[in-house]
Amino acid sequence: MIYERMINSEQETEQLAQQLAELLASSDVLTLEGDLGAGKTTFTKSIAKGLGITRNVNSPTFTILKQYEGRLPLNHLDVYRLADSDEDLGWDELFYGEAVSIIEWAHLINEDLPPERLAIQIHRLEDDKRKFTFTPFGKRYERLCEELFE
């Protein structure tokens, strides 16, 4: 099943992300897709806030991975620069560890992603309007979406 939510402001984006953060558990993997400027990093910042992370969260475009400590640790990955790379960067340690992992541009490492995850697509419609599409892979993420969208 696919879940969709229309968002009309940055505040609504933040609310959705923080509601999701309350439901996250250790080792959860979220993938984020969307054009430049769609709001992937804004959404991630709001999840981080919901996880109790007080450090400034920004895109790890040039470093690929940034890690933060909160109620749950957070791995924030931007794999855009790995488009033509065949390197194994220790995905298993990241995805199956204690932290929540959020991966921007995840389609570029699709073959390395865990089979169970929550895929989130952000469609920029105009100004602050967005359509969020959540596609759960696995029972854990199906239950998470049911709770988030009830």
C-alpha atoms as a PDB file:
ATOM      1  CA  MET A   1       0.000   0.000   0.000  1.00  0.00           C
ATOM      2  CA  ILE A   2       1.142   3.539  -0.741  1.00  0.00           C
ATOM      3  CA  TYR A   3       0.339   6.451   1.571  1.00  0.00           C
ATOM      4  CA  GLU A   4       0.140  10.080   0.467  1.00  0.00           C
ATOM      5  CA  ARG A   5      -0.086  13.390   2.274  1.00  0.00           C
ATOM      6  CA  MET A   6      -0.450  16.854   0.793  1.00  0.00           C
ATOM      7  CA  ILE A   7       1.550  19.517   2.627  1.00  0.00           C
ATOM      8  CA  ASN A   8       0.891  23.248   2.291  1.00  0.00           C
ATOM      9  CA  SER A   9       3.665  24.801   4.370  1.00  0.00           C
ATOM     10  CA  GLU A  10       7.079  24.227   5.850  1.00  0.00           C
ATOM     11  CA  GLN A  11       5.396  24.014   9.272  1.00  0.00           C
ATOM     12  CA  GLU A  12       3.241  21.091   8.062  1.00  0.00           C
ATOM     13  CA  THR A  13       6.387  19.410   6.724  1.00  0.00           C
ATOM     14  CA  GLU A  14       7.991  19.801  10.147  1.00  0.00           C
ATOM     15  CA  GLN A  15       4.898  18.407  11.893  1.00  0.00           C
ATOM     16  CA  LEU A  16       4.788  15.339   9.632  1.00  0.00           C
ATOM     17  CA  ALA A  17       8.501  14.688  10.154  1.00  0.00           C
ATOM     18  CA  GLN A  18       8.241  15.034  13.918  1.00  0.00           C
ATOM     19  CA  GLN A  19       5.222  12.699  14.035  1.00  0.00           C
ATOM     20  CA  LEU A  20       7.274  10.175  12.064  1.00  0.00           C
ATOM     21  CA  ALA A  21      10.251  10.657  14.400  1.00  0.00           C
ATOM     22  CA  GLU A  22       8.103   9.653  17.390  1.00  0.00           C
ATOM     23  CA  LEU A  23       7.422   6.300  15.712  1.00  0.00           C
ATOM     24  CA  LEU A  24      11.011   5.510  14.703  1.00  0.00           C
ATOM     25  CA  ALA A  25      13.047   2.775  16.344  1.00  0.00           C
ATOM     26  CA  SER A  26      16.644   1.650  16.316  1.00  0.00           C
ATOM     27  CA  SER A  27      17.873   0.416  12.887  1.00  0.00           C
ATOM     28  CA  ASP A  28      15.013   2.006  10.940  1.00  0.00           C
ATOM     29  CA  VAL A  29      15.968   2.966   7.391  1.00  0.00           C
ATOM     30  CA  LEU A  30      14.259   5.792   5.518  1.00  0.00           C
ATOM     31  CA  THR A  31      15.035   6.662   1.927  1.00  0.00           C
ATOM     32  CA  LEU A  32      14.302  10.155   0.607  1.00  0.00           C
ATOM     33  CA  GLU A  33      13.854  11.012  -3.042  1.00  0.00           C
ATOM     34  CA  GLY A  34      12.905  14.294  -4.641  1.00  0.00           C
ATOM     35  CA  ASP A  35      14.260  16.959  -6.927  1.00  0.00           C
ATOM     36  CA  LEU A  36      16.705  19.588  -5.703  1.00  0.00           C
ATOM     37  CA  GLY A  37      14.786  21.950  -3.452  1.00  0.00           C
ATOM     38  CA  ALA A  38      11.973  19.479  -2.786  1.00  0.00           C
ATOM     39  CA  GLY A  39      12.651  19.549   0.954  1.00  0.00           C
ATOM     40  CA  LYS A  40      14.659  16.396   1.703  1.00  0.00           C
ATOM     41  CA  THR A  41      17.053  18.148   4.079  1.00  0.00           C
ATOM     42  CA  THR A  42      14.270  20.193   5.710  1.00  0.00           C
ATOM     43  CA  PHE A  43      12.378  16.964   6.344  1.00  0.00           C
ATOM     44  CA  THR A  44      15.515  15.333   7.774  1.00  0.00           C
ATOM     45  CA  LYS A  45      16.187  18.322  10.056  1.00  0.00           C
ATOM     46  CA  SER A  46      12.675  17.999  11.447  1.00  0.00           C
ATOM     47  CA  ILE A  47      13.060  14.265  12.033  1.00  0.00           C
ATOM     48  CA  ALA A  48      16.321  15.015  13.842  1.00  0.00           C
ATOM     49  CA  LYS A  49      14.534  17.567  16.021  1.00  0.00           C
ATOM     50  CA  GLY A  50      11.877  14.941  16.784  1.00  0.00           C
ATOM     51  CA  LEU A  51      14.666  12.558  17.821  1.00  0.00           C
ATOM     52  CA  GLY A  52      15.944  15.133  20.307  1.00  0.00           C
ATOM     53  CA  ILE A  53      19.009  16.107  18.283  1.00  0.00           C
ATOM     54  CA  THR A  54      20.081  19.641  19.147  1.00  0.00           C
ATOM     55  CA  ARG A  55      23.035  20.017  16.763  1.00  0.00           C
ATOM     56  CA  ASN A  56      22.522  21.818  13.479  1.00  0.00           C
ATOM     57  CA  VAL A  57      21.644  19.278  10.793  1.00  0.00           C
ATOM     58  CA  ASN A  58      22.629  20.056   7.224  1.00  0.00           C
ATOM     59  CA  SER A  59      23.097  18.126   4.019  1.00  0.00           C
ATOM     60  CA  PRO A  60      26.135  15.814   3.966  1.00  0.00           C
ATOM     61  CA  THR A  61      26.550  16.340   0.200  1.00  0.00           C
ATOM     62  CA  PHE A  62      30.340  16.625   0.317  1.00  0.00           C
ATOM     63  CA  THR A  63      30.975  14.242   3.207  1.00  0.00           C
ATOM     64  CA  ILE A  64      28.361  11.598   2.264  1.00  0.00           C
ATOM     65  CA  LEU A  65      27.612  10.782   5.933  1.00  0.00           C
ATOM     66  CA  LYS A  66      26.921  12.832   9.045  1.00  0.00           C
ATOM     67  CA  GLN A  67      26.074  11.264  12.381  1.00  0.00           C
ATOM     68  CA  TYR A  68      24.113  12.795  15.243  1.00  0.00           C
ATOM     69  CA  GLU A  69      23.203  11.756  18.791  1.00  0.00           C
ATOM     70  CA  GLY A  70      19.697  12.064  20.205  1.00  0.00           C
ATOM     71  CA  ARG A  71      16.992   9.808  21.667  1.00  0.00           C
ATOM     72  CA  LEU A  72      18.168   7.542  18.859  1.00  0.00           C
ATOM     73  CA  PRO A  73      21.404   8.120  16.942  1.00  0.00           C
ATOM     74  CA  LEU A  74      20.913   9.332  13.361  1.00  0.00           C
ATOM     75  CA  ASN A  75      22.939   8.543  10.255  1.00  0.00           C
ATOM     76  CA  HIS A  76      22.185  11.144   7.571  1.00  0.00           C
ATOM     77  CA  LEU A  77      23.529  10.130   4.176  1.00  0.00           C
ATOM     78  CA  ASP A  78      23.528  11.961   0.867  1.00  0.00           C
ATOM     79  CA  VAL A  79      24.741   9.456  -1.710  1.00  0.00           C
ATOM     80  CA  TYR A  80      24.388  11.720  -4.745  1.00  0.00           C
ATOM     81  CA  ARG A  81      28.166  11.733  -5.292  1.00  0.00           C
ATOM     82  CA  LEU A  82      28.265   7.920  -5.315  1.00  0.00           C
ATOM     83  CA  ALA A  83      26.342   7.639  -8.603  1.00  0.00           C
ATOM     84  CA  ASP A  84      29.163   5.871 -10.461  1.00  0.00           C
ATOM     85  CA  SER A  85      30.931   4.274  -7.503  1.00  0.00           C
ATOM     86  CA  ASP A  86      31.176   0.561  -6.820  1.00  0.00           C
ATOM     87  CA  GLU A  87      32.752   1.038  -3.394  1.00  0.00           C
ATOM     88  CA  ASP A  88      31.403  -0.835  -0.395  1.00  0.00           C
ATOM     89  CA  LEU A  89      31.234   1.818   2.287  1.00  0.00           C
ATOM     90  CA  GLY A  90      30.147  -0.519   5.082  1.00  0.00           C
ATOM     91  CA  TRP A  91      26.425  -0.227   4.473  1.00  0.00           C
ATOM     92  CA  ASP A  92      25.598  -3.208   6.721  1.00  0.00           C
ATOM     93  CA  GLU A  93      27.218  -1.536   9.745  1.00  0.00           C
ATOM     94  CA  LEU A  94      25.204   1.613   9.080  1.00  0.00           C
ATOM     95  CA  PHE A  95      21.840   0.087   8.202  1.00  0.00           C
ATOM     96  CA  TYR A  96      21.788  -2.684  10.797  1.00  0.00           C
ATOM     97  CA  GLY A  97      23.349  -0.776  13.695  1.00  0.00           C
ATOM     98  CA  GLU A  98      21.617   1.147  16.465  1.00  0.00           C
ATOM     99  CA  ALA A  99      20.992   4.330  14.489  1.00  0.00           C
ATOM    100  CA  VAL A 100      18.112   5.468  12.333  1.00  0.00           C
ATOM    101  CA  SER A 101      19.444   5.961   8.798  1.00  0.00           C
ATOM    102  CA  ILE A 102      18.070   8.549   6.385  1.00  0.00           C
ATOM    103  CA  ILE A 103      19.429   8.284   2.845  1.00  0.00           C
ATOM    104  CA  GLU A 104      18.958  11.061   0.306  1.00  0.00           C
ATOM    105  CA  TRP A 105      19.165  10.015  -3.383  1.00  0.00           C
ATOM    106  CA  ALA A 106      18.895   6.383  -2.255  1.00  0.00           C
ATOM    107  CA  HIS A 107      18.083   5.082  -5.755  1.00  0.00           C
ATOM    108  CA  LEU A 108      21.799   5.482  -6.527  1.00  0.00           C
ATOM    109  CA  ILE A 109      22.643   2.667  -4.081  1.00  0.00           C
ATOM    110  CA  ASN A 110      19.427   0.691  -4.500  1.00  0.00           C
ATOM    111  CA  GLU A 111      21.224  -2.675  -4.652  1.00  0.00           C
ATOM    112  CA  ASP A 112      22.868  -1.957  -1.269  1.00  0.00           C
ATOM    113  CA  LEU A 113      19.687  -0.956   0.580  1.00  0.00           C
ATOM    114  CA  PRO A 114      18.083  -3.307   3.089  1.00  0.00           C
ATOM    115  CA  PRO A 115      14.979  -5.023   1.711  1.00  0.00           C
ATOM    116  CA  GLU A 116      12.862  -3.627   4.554  1.00  0.00           C
ATOM    117  CA  ARG A 117      12.719   0.162   4.651  1.00  0.00           C
ATOM    118  CA  LEU A 118      10.427   3.148   4.279  1.00  0.00           C
ATOM    119  CA  ALA A 119      10.740   4.934   0.931  1.00  0.00           C
ATOM    120  CA  ILE A 120       9.615   8.566   0.958  1.00  0.00           C
ATOM    121  CA  GLN A 121       9.190  10.566  -2.225  1.00  0.00           C
ATOM    122  CA  ILE A 122       8.769  14.339  -1.993  1.00  0.00           C
ATOM    123  CA  HIS A 123       7.120  16.031  -4.964  1.00  0.00           C
ATOM    124  CA  ARG A 124       7.442  19.822  -5.095  1.00  0.00           C
ATOM    125  CA  LEU A 125       4.199  21.203  -6.484  1.00  0.00           C
ATOM    126  CA  GLU A 126       4.609  24.952  -5.978  1.00  0.00           C
ATOM    127  CA  ASP A 127       6.113  27.301  -3.393  1.00  0.00           C
ATOM    128  CA  ASP A 128       5.676  25.429  -0.080  1.00  0.00           C
ATOM    129  CA  LYS A 129       3.206  22.846  -1.404  1.00  0.00           C
ATOM    130  CA  ARG A 130       4.490  19.281  -1.444  1.00  0.00           C
ATOM    131  CA  LYS A 131       3.097  15.807  -1.949  1.00  0.00           C
ATOM    132  CA  PHE A 132       4.710  13.187   0.272  1.00  0.00           C
ATOM    133  CA  THR A 133       4.437   9.585  -0.876  1.00  0.00           C
ATOM    134  CA  PHE A 134       5.342   6.865   1.632  1.00  0.00           C
ATOM    135  CA  THR A 135       5.986   3.340   0.351  1.00  0.00           C
ATOM    136  CA  PRO A 136       6.638   0.786   3.110  1.00  0.00           C
ATOM    137  CA  PHE A 137       8.748  -2.283   2.413  1.00  0.00           C
ATOM    138  CA  GLY A 138       8.166  -4.857   5.152  1.00  0.00           C
ATOM    139  CA  LYS A 139       5.664  -5.348   7.964  1.00  0.00           C
ATOM    140  CA  ARG A 140       7.455  -3.003  10.392  1.00  0.00           C
ATOM    141  CA  TYR A 141       7.099  -0.100   7.966  1.00  0.00           C
ATOM    142  CA  GLU A 142       3.540  -1.030   7.001  1.00  0.00           C
ATOM    143  CA  ARG A 143       2.547  -0.773  10.679  1.00  0.00           C
ATOM    144  CA  LEU A 144       4.483   2.476  11.027  1.00  0.00           C
ATOM    145  CA  CYS A 145       2.618   4.015   8.061  1.00  0.00           C
ATOM    146  CA  GLU A 146      -0.744   2.786   9.363  1.00  0.00           C
ATOM    147  CA  GLU A 147      -0.057   4.530  12.650  1.00  0.00           C
ATOM    148  CA  LEU A 148       1.277   7.691  11.009  1.00  0.00           C
ATOM    149  CA  PHE A 149      -1.663   8.007   8.635  1.00  0.00           C
ATOM    150  CA  GLU A 150      -4.524   6.909  10.956  1.00  0.00           C
END
